[in-house]
PDB file of all heavy atoms in Angstrom:
ATOM      1  N   GLY A   1       0.817  -1.211   0.000  1.00  0.00           N
ATOM      2  CA  GLY A   1       0.000   0.000   0.000  1.00  0.00           C
ATOM      3  C   GLY A   1       0.846   1.255   0.000  1.00  0.00           C
ATOM      4  O   GLY A   1       0.530   2.242  -0.677  1.00  0.00           O
ATOM      5  N   GLN A   2       1.948   1.237   0.756  1.00  0.00           N
ATOM      6  CA  GLN A   2       2.848   2.390   0.800  1.00  0.00           C
ATOM      7  C   GLN A   2       3.489   2.612  -0.577  1.00  0.00           C
ATOM      8  O   GLN A   2       3.645   3.754  -1.036  1.00  0.00           O
ATOM      9  CB  GLN A   2       3.935   2.153   1.848  1.00  0.00           C
ATOM     10  CG  GLN A   2       4.768   3.385   2.164  1.00  0.00           C
ATOM     11  CD  GLN A   2       3.943   4.462   2.859  1.00  0.00           C
ATOM     12  OE1 GLN A   2       2.987   4.156   3.565  1.00  0.00           O
ATOM     13  NE2 GLN A   2       4.317   5.723   2.635  1.00  0.00           N
ATOM     14  N   LEU A   3       3.862   1.512  -1.242  1.00  0.00           N
ATOM     15  CA  LEU A   3       4.468   1.612  -2.574  1.00  0.00           C
ATOM     16  C   LEU A   3       3.494   2.230  -3.572  1.00  0.00           C
ATOM     17  O   LEU A   3       3.865   3.095  -4.369  1.00  0.00           O
ATOM     18  CB  LEU A   3       4.903   0.221  -3.043  1.00  0.00           C
ATOM     19  CG  LEU A   3       5.491   0.134  -4.454  1.00  0.00           C
ATOM     20  CD1 LEU A   3       6.808   0.883  -4.532  1.00  0.00           C
ATOM     21  CD2 LEU A   3       5.675  -1.330  -4.881  1.00  0.00           C
ATOM     22  N   VAL A   4       2.231   1.799  -3.510  1.00  0.00           N
ATOM     23  CA  VAL A   4       1.218   2.348  -4.417  1.00  0.00           C
ATOM     24  C   VAL A   4       1.001   3.831  -4.143  1.00  0.00           C
ATOM     25  O   VAL A   4       0.848   4.638  -5.068  1.00  0.00           O
ATOM     26  CB  VAL A   4      -0.103   1.565  -4.284  1.00  0.00           C
ATOM     27  CG1 VAL A   4      -1.220   2.246  -5.075  1.00  0.00           C
ATOM     28  CG2 VAL A   4       0.081   0.130  -4.762  1.00  0.00           C
ATOM     29  N   SER A   5       1.011   4.232  -2.876  1.00  0.00           N
ATOM     30  CA  SER A   5       0.798   5.642  -2.533  1.00  0.00           C
ATOM     31  C   SER A   5       1.918   6.525  -3.065  1.00  0.00           C
ATOM     32  O   SER A   5       1.678   7.622  -3.574  1.00  0.00           O
ATOM     33  CB  SER A   5       0.696   5.793  -1.008  1.00  0.00           C
ATOM     34  OG  SER A   5      -0.410   5.090  -0.502  1.00  0.00           O
ATOM     35  N   GLU A   6       3.159   6.052  -2.962  1.00  0.00           N
ATOM     36  CA  GLU A   6       4.297   6.877  -3.338  1.00  0.00           C
ATOM     37  C   GLU A   6       4.610   6.836  -4.829  1.00  0.00           C
ATOM     38  O   GLU A   6       5.166   7.792  -5.382  1.00  0.00           O
ATOM     39  CB  GLU A   6       5.530   6.436  -2.544  1.00  0.00           C
ATOM     40  CG  GLU A   6       5.385   6.648  -1.035  1.00  0.00           C
ATOM     41  CD  GLU A   6       6.563   6.088  -0.276  1.00  0.00           C
ATOM     42  OE1 GLU A   6       7.436   5.454  -0.922  1.00  0.00           O
ATOM     43  OE2 GLU A   6       6.620   6.272   0.968  1.00  0.00           O
ATOM     44  N   HIS A   7       4.300   5.722  -5.507  1.00  0.00           N
ATOM     45  CA  HIS A   7       4.647   5.573  -6.928  1.00  0.00           C
ATOM     46  C   HIS A   7       3.428   5.060  -7.708  1.00  0.00           C
ATOM     47  O   HIS A   7       3.531   4.086  -8.453  1.00  0.00           O
ATOM     48  CB  HIS A   7       5.814   4.596  -7.095  1.00  0.00           C
ATOM     49  CG  HIS A   7       7.005   4.921  -6.248  1.00  0.00           C
ATOM     50  ND1 HIS A   7       7.881   5.948  -6.538  1.00  0.00           N
ATOM     51  CD2 HIS A   7       7.451   4.366  -5.092  1.00  0.00           C
ATOM     52  CE1 HIS A   7       8.817   6.000  -5.626  1.00  0.00           C
ATOM     53  NE2 HIS A   7       8.586   5.058  -4.724  1.00  0.00           N
ATOM     54  N   SER A   8       2.296   5.698  -7.537  1.00  0.00           N
ATOM     55  CA  SER A   8       1.056   5.208  -8.150  1.00  0.00           C
ATOM     56  C   SER A   8       1.142   5.181  -9.673  1.00  0.00           C
ATOM     57  O   SER A   8       0.667   4.222 -10.313  1.00  0.00           O
ATOM     58  CB  SER A   8      -0.123   6.073  -7.700  1.00  0.00           C
ATOM     59  OG  SER A   8       0.099   7.432  -8.043  1.00  0.00           O
ATOM     60  N   ASP A   9       1.747   6.221 -10.280  1.00  0.00           N
ATOM     61  CA  ASP A   9       1.818   6.261 -11.750  1.00  0.00           C
ATOM     62  C   ASP A   9       2.632   5.096 -12.294  1.00  0.00           C
ATOM     63  O   ASP A   9       2.236   4.439 -13.268  1.00  0.00           O
ATOM     64  CB  ASP A   9       2.438   7.581 -12.207  1.00  0.00           C
ATOM     65  CG  ASP A   9       1.554   8.772 -11.891  1.00  0.00           C
ATOM     66  OD1 ASP A   9       0.341   8.551 -11.674  1.00  0.00           O
ATOM     67  OD2 ASP A   9       2.057   9.914 -11.873  1.00  0.00           O
ATOM     68  N   VAL A  10       3.781   4.833 -11.672  1.00  0.00           N
ATOM     69  CA  VAL A  10       4.645   3.745 -12.140  1.00  0.00           C
ATOM     70  C   VAL A  10       3.960   2.393 -11.945  1.00  0.00           C
ATOM     71  O   VAL A  10       3.975   1.535 -12.833  1.00  0.00           O
ATOM     72  CB  VAL A  10       5.994   3.773 -11.399  1.00  0.00           C
ATOM     73  CG1 VAL A  10       6.853   2.575 -11.798  1.00  0.00           C
ATOM     74  CG2 VAL A  10       6.724   5.077 -11.676  1.00  0.00           C
ATOM     75  N   VAL A  11       3.344   2.195 -10.782  1.00  0.00           N
ATOM     76  CA  VAL A  11       2.701   0.915 -10.474  1.00  0.00           C
ATOM     77  C   VAL A  11       1.556   0.637 -11.434  1.00  0.00           C
ATOM     78  O   VAL A  11       1.470  -0.442 -12.045  1.00  0.00           O
ATOM     79  CB  VAL A  11       2.201   0.893  -9.017  1.00  0.00           C
ATOM     80  CG1 VAL A  11       1.344  -0.359  -8.776  1.00  0.00           C
ATOM     81  CG2 VAL A  11       3.380   0.918  -8.058  1.00  0.00           C
ATOM     82  N   PHE A  12       0.660   1.627 -11.616  1.00  0.00           N
ATOM     83  CA  PHE A  12      -0.485   1.407 -12.492  1.00  0.00           C
ATOM     84  C   PHE A  12      -0.060   1.303 -13.954  1.00  0.00           C
ATOM     85  O   PHE A  12      -0.656   0.547 -14.730  1.00  0.00           O
ATOM     86  CB  PHE A  12      -1.514   2.527 -12.309  1.00  0.00           C
ATOM     87  CG  PHE A  12      -2.275   2.421 -11.027  1.00  0.00           C
ATOM     88  CD1 PHE A  12      -2.181   3.410 -10.050  1.00  0.00           C
ATOM     89  CD2 PHE A  12      -3.077   1.324 -10.765  1.00  0.00           C
ATOM     90  CE1 PHE A  12      -2.874   3.308  -8.853  1.00  0.00           C
ATOM     91  CE2 PHE A  12      -3.781   1.211  -9.580  1.00  0.00           C
ATOM     92  CZ  PHE A  12      -3.675   2.207  -8.614  1.00  0.00           C
ATOM     93  N   GLY A  13       0.978   2.067 -14.344  1.00  0.00           N
ATOM     94  CA  GLY A  13       1.499   1.935 -15.705  1.00  0.00           C
ATOM     95  C   GLY A  13       2.065   0.552 -15.960  1.00  0.00           C
ATOM     96  O   GLY A  13       1.828  -0.057 -17.015  1.00  0.00           O
ATOM     97  N   GLY A  14       2.818   0.028 -14.984  1.00  0.00           N
ATOM     98  CA  GLY A  14       3.370  -1.316 -15.118  1.00  0.00           C
ATOM     99  C   GLY A  14       2.290  -2.378 -15.182  1.00  0.00           C
ATOM    100  O   GLY A  14       2.364  -3.315 -15.989  1.00  0.00           O
ATOM    101  N   LEU A  15       1.258  -2.235 -14.333  1.00  0.00           N
ATOM    102  CA  LEU A  15       0.148  -3.195 -14.366  1.00  0.00           C
ATOM    103  C   LEU A  15      -0.592  -3.151 -15.693  1.00  0.00           C
ATOM    104  O   LEU A  15      -1.018  -4.183 -16.218  1.00  0.00           O
ATOM    105  CB  LEU A  15      -0.819  -2.914 -13.212  1.00  0.00           C
ATOM    106  CG  LEU A  15      -0.299  -3.219 -11.797  1.00  0.00           C
ATOM    107  CD1 LEU A  15      -1.326  -2.797 -10.752  1.00  0.00           C
ATOM    108  CD2 LEU A  15       0.021  -4.706 -11.652  1.00  0.00           C
ATOM    109  N   LEU A  16      -0.746  -1.947 -16.266  1.00  0.00           N
ATOM    110  CA  LEU A  16      -1.421  -1.813 -17.557  1.00  0.00           C
ATOM    111  C   LEU A  16      -0.625  -2.501 -18.660  1.00  0.00           C
ATOM    112  O   LEU A  16      -1.198  -3.201 -19.506  1.00  0.00           O
ATOM    113  CB  LEU A  16      -1.615  -0.332 -17.885  1.00  0.00           C
ATOM    114  CG  LEU A  16      -2.328  -0.025 -19.211  1.00  0.00           C
ATOM    115  CD1 LEU A  16      -3.731  -0.619 -19.226  1.00  0.00           C
ATOM    116  CD2 LEU A  16      -2.376   1.478 -19.458  1.00  0.00           C
ATOM    117  N   VAL A  17       0.696  -2.317 -18.641  1.00  0.00           N
ATOM    118  CA  VAL A  17       1.548  -2.969 -19.646  1.00  0.00           C
ATOM    119  C   VAL A  17       1.454  -4.491 -19.519  1.00  0.00           C
ATOM    120  O   VAL A  17       1.320  -5.211 -20.520  1.00  0.00           O
ATOM    121  CB  VAL A  17       3.006  -2.492 -19.502  1.00  0.00           C
ATOM    122  CG1 VAL A  17       3.933  -3.350 -20.369  1.00  0.00           C
ATOM    123  CG2 VAL A  17       3.131  -1.031 -19.879  1.00  0.00           C
ATOM    124  N   VAL A  18       1.515  -4.974 -18.287  1.00  0.00           N
ATOM    125  CA  VAL A  18       1.412  -6.424 -18.058  1.00  0.00           C
ATOM    126  C   VAL A  18       0.072  -6.949 -18.554  1.00  0.00           C
ATOM    127  O   VAL A  18      -0.008  -8.019 -19.185  1.00  0.00           O
ATOM    128  CB  VAL A  18       1.612  -6.744 -16.564  1.00  0.00           C
ATOM    129  CG1 VAL A  18       1.270  -8.206 -16.271  1.00  0.00           C
ATOM    130  CG2 VAL A  18       3.040  -6.442 -16.141  1.00  0.00           C
ATOM    131  N   ALA A  19      -1.009  -6.203 -18.294  1.00  0.00           N
ATOM    132  CA  ALA A  19      -2.338  -6.623 -18.735  1.00  0.00           C
ATOM    133  C   ALA A  19      -2.423  -6.674 -20.261  1.00  0.00           C
ATOM    134  O   ALA A  19      -2.980  -7.622 -20.833  1.00  0.00           O
ATOM    135  CB  ALA A  19      -3.396  -5.684 -18.169  1.00  0.00           C
ATOM    136  N   LEU A  20      -1.873  -5.662 -20.944  1.00  0.00           N
ATOM    137  CA  LEU A  20      -1.912  -5.638 -22.405  1.00  0.00           C
ATOM    138  C   LEU A  20      -1.106  -6.785 -23.000  1.00  0.00           C
ATOM    139  O   LEU A  20      -1.543  -7.435 -23.962  1.00  0.00           O
ATOM    140  CB  LEU A  20      -1.385  -4.297 -22.921  1.00  0.00           C
ATOM    141  CG  LEU A  20      -2.269  -3.072 -22.637  1.00  0.00           C
ATOM    142  CD1 LEU A  20      -1.579  -1.795 -23.096  1.00  0.00           C
ATOM    143  CD2 LEU A  20      -3.618  -3.213 -23.331  1.00  0.00           C
ATOM    144  N   VAL A  21       0.073  -7.040 -22.436  1.00  0.00           N
ATOM    145  CA  VAL A  21       0.896  -8.154 -22.918  1.00  0.00           C
ATOM    146  C   VAL A  21       0.171  -9.482 -22.698  1.00  0.00           C
ATOM    147  O   VAL A  21       0.186 -10.369 -23.567  1.00  0.00           O
ATOM    148  CB  VAL A  21       2.263  -8.160 -22.205  1.00  0.00           C
ATOM    149  CG1 VAL A  21       3.037  -9.443 -22.513  1.00  0.00           C
ATOM    150  CG2 VAL A  21       3.081  -6.948 -22.624  1.00  0.00           C
ATOM    151  N   ALA A  22      -0.486  -9.620 -21.542  1.00  0.00           N
ATOM    152  CA  ALA A  22      -1.218 -10.854 -21.242  1.00  0.00           C
ATOM    153  C   ALA A  22      -2.367 -11.064 -22.224  1.00  0.00           C
ATOM    154  O   ALA A  22      -2.599 -12.179 -22.702  1.00  0.00           O
ATOM    155  CB  ALA A  22      -1.746 -10.821 -19.809  1.00  0.00           C
ATOM    156  N   VAL A  23      -3.096  -9.987 -22.551  1.00  0.00           N
ATOM    157  CA  VAL A  23      -4.206 -10.099 -23.499  1.00  0.00           C
ATOM    158  C   VAL A  23      -3.692 -10.484 -24.884  1.00  0.00           C
ATOM    159  O   VAL A  23      -4.262 -11.358 -25.558  1.00  0.00           O
ATOM    160  CB  VAL A  23      -4.989  -8.768 -23.559  1.00  0.00           C
ATOM    161  CG1 VAL A  23      -5.972  -8.769 -24.729  1.00  0.00           C
ATOM    162  CG2 VAL A  23      -5.729  -8.529 -22.251  1.00  0.00           C
ATOM    163  N   PHE A  24      -2.609  -9.841 -25.327  1.00  0.00           N
ATOM    164  CA  PHE A  24      -2.036 -10.148 -26.641  1.00  0.00           C
ATOM    165  C   PHE A  24      -1.564 -11.598 -26.696  1.00  0.00           C
ATOM    166  O   PHE A  24      -1.823 -12.319 -27.671  1.00  0.00           O
ATOM    167  CB  PHE A  24      -0.869  -9.195 -26.921  1.00  0.00           C
ATOM    168  CG  PHE A  24      -0.167  -9.466 -28.219  1.00  0.00           C
ATOM    169  CD1 PHE A  24      -0.697  -9.024 -29.422  1.00  0.00           C
ATOM    170  CD2 PHE A  24       1.031 -10.180 -28.234  1.00  0.00           C
ATOM    171  CE1 PHE A  24      -0.046  -9.284 -30.620  1.00  0.00           C
ATOM    172  CE2 PHE A  24       1.683 -10.448 -29.433  1.00  0.00           C
ATOM    173  CZ  PHE A  24       1.146  -9.991 -30.622  1.00  0.00           C
ATOM    174  N   TRP A  25      -0.862 -12.034 -25.652  1.00  0.00           N
ATOM    175  CA  TRP A  25      -0.378 -13.416 -25.619  1.00  0.00           C
ATOM    176  C   TRP A  25      -1.538 -14.405 -25.591  1.00  0.00           C
ATOM    177  O   TRP A  25      -1.495 -15.450 -26.264  1.00  0.00           O
ATOM    178  CB  TRP A  25       0.502 -13.617 -24.391  1.00  0.00           C
ATOM    179  CG  TRP A  25       0.969 -15.038 -24.226  1.00  0.00           C
ATOM    180  CD1 TRP A  25       2.038 -15.636 -24.817  1.00  0.00           C
ATOM    181  CD2 TRP A  25       0.340 -16.052 -23.419  1.00  0.00           C
ATOM    182  NE1 TRP A  25       2.131 -16.948 -24.430  1.00  0.00           N
ATOM    183  CE2 TRP A  25       1.105 -17.235 -23.582  1.00  0.00           C
ATOM    184  CE3 TRP A  25      -0.777 -16.070 -22.592  1.00  0.00           C
ATOM    185  CZ2 TRP A  25       0.778 -18.413 -22.930  1.00  0.00           C
ATOM    186  CZ3 TRP A  25      -1.112 -17.248 -21.948  1.00  0.00           C
ATOM    187  CH2 TRP A  25      -0.336 -18.402 -22.115  1.00  0.00           C
ATOM    188  N   LEU A  26      -2.586 -14.087 -24.833  1.00  0.00           N
ATOM    189  CA  LEU A  26      -3.729 -14.988 -24.726  1.00  0.00           C
ATOM    190  C   LEU A  26      -4.433 -15.134 -26.067  1.00  0.00           C
ATOM    191  O   LEU A  26      -4.841 -16.238 -26.452  1.00  0.00           O
ATOM    192  CB  LEU A  26      -4.698 -14.468 -23.665  1.00  0.00           C
ATOM    193  CG  LEU A  26      -5.856 -15.390 -23.272  1.00  0.00           C
ATOM    194  CD1 LEU A  26      -5.321 -16.698 -22.703  1.00  0.00           C
ATOM    195  CD2 LEU A  26      -6.777 -14.706 -22.269  1.00  0.00           C
ATOM    196  N   ARG A  27      -4.594 -14.023 -26.797  1.00  0.00           N
ATOM    197  CA  ARG A  27      -5.228 -14.097 -28.115  1.00  0.00           C
ATOM    198  C   ARG A  27      -4.414 -14.976 -29.054  1.00  0.00           C
ATOM    199  O   ARG A  27      -4.964 -15.807 -29.782  1.00  0.00           O
ATOM    200  CB  ARG A  27      -5.373 -12.691 -28.700  1.00  0.00           C
ATOM    201  CG  ARG A  27      -6.429 -11.839 -28.010  1.00  0.00           C
ATOM    202  CD  ARG A  27      -6.554 -10.495 -28.690  1.00  0.00           C
ATOM    203  NE  ARG A  27      -6.979 -10.632 -30.081  1.00  0.00           N
ATOM    204  CZ  ARG A  27      -7.068  -9.607 -30.916  1.00  0.00           C
ATOM    205  NH1 ARG A  27      -6.756  -8.387 -30.510  1.00  0.00           N
ATOM    206  NH2 ARG A  27      -7.473  -9.807 -32.154  1.00  0.00           N
ATOM    207  N   HIS A  28      -3.099 -14.795 -29.046  1.00  0.00           N
ATOM    208  CA  HIS A  28      -2.236 -15.625 -29.903  1.00  0.00           C
ATOM    209  C   HIS A  28      -2.297 -17.089 -29.466  1.00  0.00           C
ATOM    210  O   HIS A  28      -2.338 -17.999 -30.312  1.00  0.00           O
ATOM    211  CB  HIS A  28      -0.797 -15.110 -29.826  1.00  0.00           C
ATOM    212  CG  HIS A  28       0.182 -15.972 -30.565  1.00  0.00           C
ATOM    213  ND1 HIS A  28       0.261 -15.999 -31.941  1.00  0.00           N
ATOM    214  CD2 HIS A  28       1.124 -16.854 -30.107  1.00  0.00           C
ATOM    215  CE1 HIS A  28       1.201 -16.854 -32.304  1.00  0.00           C
ATOM    216  NE2 HIS A  28       1.734 -17.374 -31.218  1.00  0.00           N
ATOM    217  N   PHE A  29      -2.328 -17.318 -28.163  1.00  0.00           N
ATOM    218  CA  PHE A  29      -2.376 -18.675 -27.622  1.00  0.00           C
ATOM    219  C   PHE A  29      -3.654 -19.392 -28.057  1.00  0.00           C
ATOM    220  O   PHE A  29      -3.628 -20.568 -28.440  1.00  0.00           O
ATOM    221  CB  PHE A  29      -2.296 -18.591 -26.102  1.00  0.00           C
ATOM    222  CG  PHE A  29      -2.176 -19.918 -25.416  1.00  0.00           C
ATOM    223  CD1 PHE A  29      -1.063 -20.727 -25.602  1.00  0.00           C
ATOM    224  CD2 PHE A  29      -3.176 -20.357 -24.558  1.00  0.00           C
ATOM    225  CE1 PHE A  29      -0.948 -21.947 -24.958  1.00  0.00           C
ATOM    226  CE2 PHE A  29      -3.077 -21.577 -23.913  1.00  0.00           C
ATOM    227  CZ  PHE A  29      -1.963 -22.371 -24.110  1.00  0.00           C
ATOM    228  N   ILE A  30      -4.780 -18.675 -28.038  1.00  0.00           N
ATOM    229  CA  ILE A  30      -6.057 -19.272 -28.418  1.00  0.00           C
ATOM    230  C   ILE A  30      -6.119 -19.511 -29.920  1.00  0.00           C
ATOM    231  O   ILE A  30      -6.553 -20.570 -30.387  1.00  0.00           O
ATOM    232  CB  ILE A  30      -7.220 -18.378 -27.950  1.00  0.00           C
ATOM    233  CG1 ILE A  30      -7.289 -18.366 -26.413  1.00  0.00           C
ATOM    234  CG2 ILE A  30      -8.543 -18.858 -28.533  1.00  0.00           C
ATOM    235  CD1 ILE A  30      -8.324 -17.408 -25.857  1.00  0.00           C
ATOM    236  N   ARG A  31      -5.682 -18.505 -30.706  1.00  0.00           N
ATOM    237  CA  ARG A  31      -5.753 -18.645 -32.163  1.00  0.00           C
ATOM    238  C   ARG A  31      -4.843 -19.753 -32.681  1.00  0.00           C
ATOM    239  O   ARG A  31      -5.151 -20.380 -33.696  1.00  0.00           O
ATOM    240  CB  ARG A  31      -5.369 -17.320 -32.821  1.00  0.00           C
ATOM    241  CG  ARG A  31      -6.434 -16.243 -32.672  1.00  0.00           C
ATOM    242  CD  ARG A  31      -6.003 -14.944 -33.345  1.00  0.00           C
ATOM    243  NE  ARG A  31      -7.037 -13.927 -33.263  1.00  0.00           N
ATOM    244  CZ  ARG A  31      -6.912 -12.706 -33.753  1.00  0.00           C
ATOM    245  NH1 ARG A  31      -5.789 -12.348 -34.356  1.00  0.00           N
ATOM    246  NH2 ARG A  31      -7.899 -11.839 -33.635  1.00  0.00           N
ATOM    247  N   SER A  32      -3.732 -20.006 -32.016  1.00  0.00           N
ATOM    248  CA  SER A  32      -2.811 -21.054 -32.464  1.00  0.00           C
ATOM    249  C   SER A  32      -3.340 -22.455 -32.201  1.00  0.00           C
ATOM    250  O   SER A  32      -2.819 -23.429 -32.746  1.00  0.00           O
ATOM    251  CB  SER A  32      -1.453 -20.884 -31.774  1.00  0.00           C
ATOM    252  OG  SER A  32      -1.563 -21.149 -30.381  1.00  0.00           O
ATOM    253  N   GLY A  33      -4.378 -22.566 -31.364  1.00  0.00           N
ATOM    254  CA  GLY A  33      -4.935 -23.876 -31.036  1.00  0.00           C
ATOM    255  C   GLY A  33      -4.210 -24.595 -29.922  1.00  0.00           C
ATOM    256  O   GLY A  33      -4.595 -25.703 -29.533  1.00  0.00           O
ATOM    257  N   ARG A  34      -3.164 -23.985 -29.380  1.00  0.00           N
ATOM    258  CA  ARG A  34      -2.388 -24.651 -28.338  1.00  0.00           C
ATOM    259  C   ARG A  34      -3.080 -24.639 -26.982  1.00  0.00           C
ATOM    260  O   ARG A  34      -2.636 -25.324 -26.062  1.00  0.00           O
ATOM    261  CB  ARG A  34      -0.995 -24.017 -28.232  1.00  0.00           C
ATOM    262  CG  ARG A  34      -0.191 -24.163 -29.509  1.00  0.00           C
ATOM    263  CD  ARG A  34       1.287 -23.931 -29.315  1.00  0.00           C
ATOM    264  NE  ARG A  34       2.025 -24.203 -30.542  1.00  0.00           N
ATOM    265  CZ  ARG A  34       2.409 -25.406 -30.938  1.00  0.00           C
ATOM    266  NH1 ARG A  34       2.113 -26.447 -30.184  1.00  0.00           N
ATOM    267  NH2 ARG A  34       3.058 -25.581 -32.061  1.00  0.00           N
ATOM    268  N   TRP A  35      -4.155 -23.861 -26.866  1.00  0.00           N
ATOM    269  CA  TRP A  35      -4.899 -23.876 -25.604  1.00  0.00           C
ATOM    270  C   TRP A  35      -5.537 -25.242 -25.380  1.00  0.00           C
ATOM    271  O   TRP A  35      -5.674 -25.680 -24.234  1.00  0.00           O
ATOM    272  CB  TRP A  35      -5.964 -22.780 -25.613  1.00  0.00           C
ATOM    273  CG  TRP A  35      -7.035 -22.968 -26.635  1.00  0.00           C
ATOM    274  CD1 TRP A  35      -6.997 -22.650 -27.956  1.00  0.00           C
ATOM    275  CD2 TRP A  35      -8.334 -23.541 -26.411  1.00  0.00           C
ATOM    276  NE1 TRP A  35      -8.175 -22.983 -28.582  1.00  0.00           N
ATOM    277  CE2 TRP A  35      -9.009 -23.520 -27.642  1.00  0.00           C
ATOM    278  CE3 TRP A  35      -8.979 -24.049 -25.287  1.00  0.00           C
ATOM    279  CZ2 TRP A  35     -10.300 -24.010 -27.791  1.00  0.00           C
ATOM    280  CZ3 TRP A  35     -10.268 -24.536 -25.430  1.00  0.00           C
ATOM    281  CH2 TRP A  35     -10.909 -24.506 -26.665  1.00  0.00           C
ATOM    282  N   ILE A  36      -5.897 -25.929 -26.465  1.00  0.00           N
ATOM    283  CA  ILE A  36      -6.461 -27.273 -26.319  1.00  0.00           C
ATOM    284  C   ILE A  36      -5.393 -28.231 -25.809  1.00  0.00           C
ATOM    285  O   ILE A  36      -5.648 -29.065 -24.935  1.00  0.00           O
ATOM    286  CB  ILE A  36      -7.035 -27.761 -27.664  1.00  0.00           C
ATOM    287  CG1 ILE A  36      -8.157 -26.835 -28.131  1.00  0.00           C
ATOM    288  CG2 ILE A  36      -7.562 -29.188 -27.529  1.00  0.00           C
ATOM    289  CD1 ILE A  36      -8.758 -27.218 -29.459  1.00  0.00           C
ATOM    290  N   VAL A  37      -4.171 -28.095 -26.357  1.00  0.00           N
ATOM    291  CA  VAL A  37      -3.060 -28.935 -25.895  1.00  0.00           C
ATOM    292  C   VAL A  37      -2.806 -28.696 -24.411  1.00  0.00           C
ATOM    293  O   VAL A  37      -2.584 -29.643 -23.639  1.00  0.00           O
ATOM    294  CB  VAL A  37      -1.791 -28.640 -26.713  1.00  0.00           C
ATOM    295  CG1 VAL A  37      -0.631 -29.497 -26.221  1.00  0.00           C
ATOM    296  CG2 VAL A  37      -2.047 -28.876 -28.197  1.00  0.00           C
ATOM    297  N   PHE A  38      -2.852 -27.427 -23.995  1.00  0.00           N
ATOM    298  CA  PHE A  38      -2.642 -27.095 -22.587  1.00  0.00           C
ATOM    299  C   PHE A  38      -3.713 -27.734 -21.708  1.00  0.00           C
ATOM    300  O   PHE A  38      -3.411 -28.325 -20.660  1.00  0.00           O
ATOM    301  CB  PHE A  38      -2.643 -25.576 -22.415  1.00  0.00           C
ATOM    302  CG  PHE A  38      -2.661 -25.115 -20.986  1.00  0.00           C
ATOM    303  CD1 PHE A  38      -1.521 -25.195 -20.206  1.00  0.00           C
ATOM    304  CD2 PHE A  38      -3.825 -24.605 -20.416  1.00  0.00           C
ATOM    305  CE1 PHE A  38      -1.537 -24.776 -18.882  1.00  0.00           C
ATOM    306  CE2 PHE A  38      -3.848 -24.187 -19.102  1.00  0.00           C
ATOM    307  CZ  PHE A  38      -2.705 -24.280 -18.332  1.00  0.00           C
ATOM    308  N   LEU A  39      -4.975 -27.633 -22.129  1.00  0.00           N
ATOM    309  CA  LEU A  39      -6.067 -28.195 -21.331  1.00  0.00           C
ATOM    310  C   LEU A  39      -5.959 -29.713 -21.225  1.00  0.00           C
ATOM    311  O   LEU A  39      -6.287 -30.292 -20.183  1.00  0.00           O
ATOM    312  CB  LEU A  39      -7.413 -27.805 -21.938  1.00  0.00           C
ATOM    313  CG  LEU A  39      -7.819 -26.330 -21.827  1.00  0.00           C
ATOM    314  CD1 LEU A  39      -9.157 -26.092 -22.511  1.00  0.00           C
ATOM    315  CD2 LEU A  39      -7.898 -25.885 -20.375  1.00  0.00           C
TER     316      LEU A  39
END
């Protein structure tokens, strides 16, 4: 909580980047058909 209070812009920016990368990777993972192999 202290980290978020002092560096909110950096923390939320980093979380946004991680979320975008995760969404992009997930779309590629699903389209490639490898999600079935994983399951």
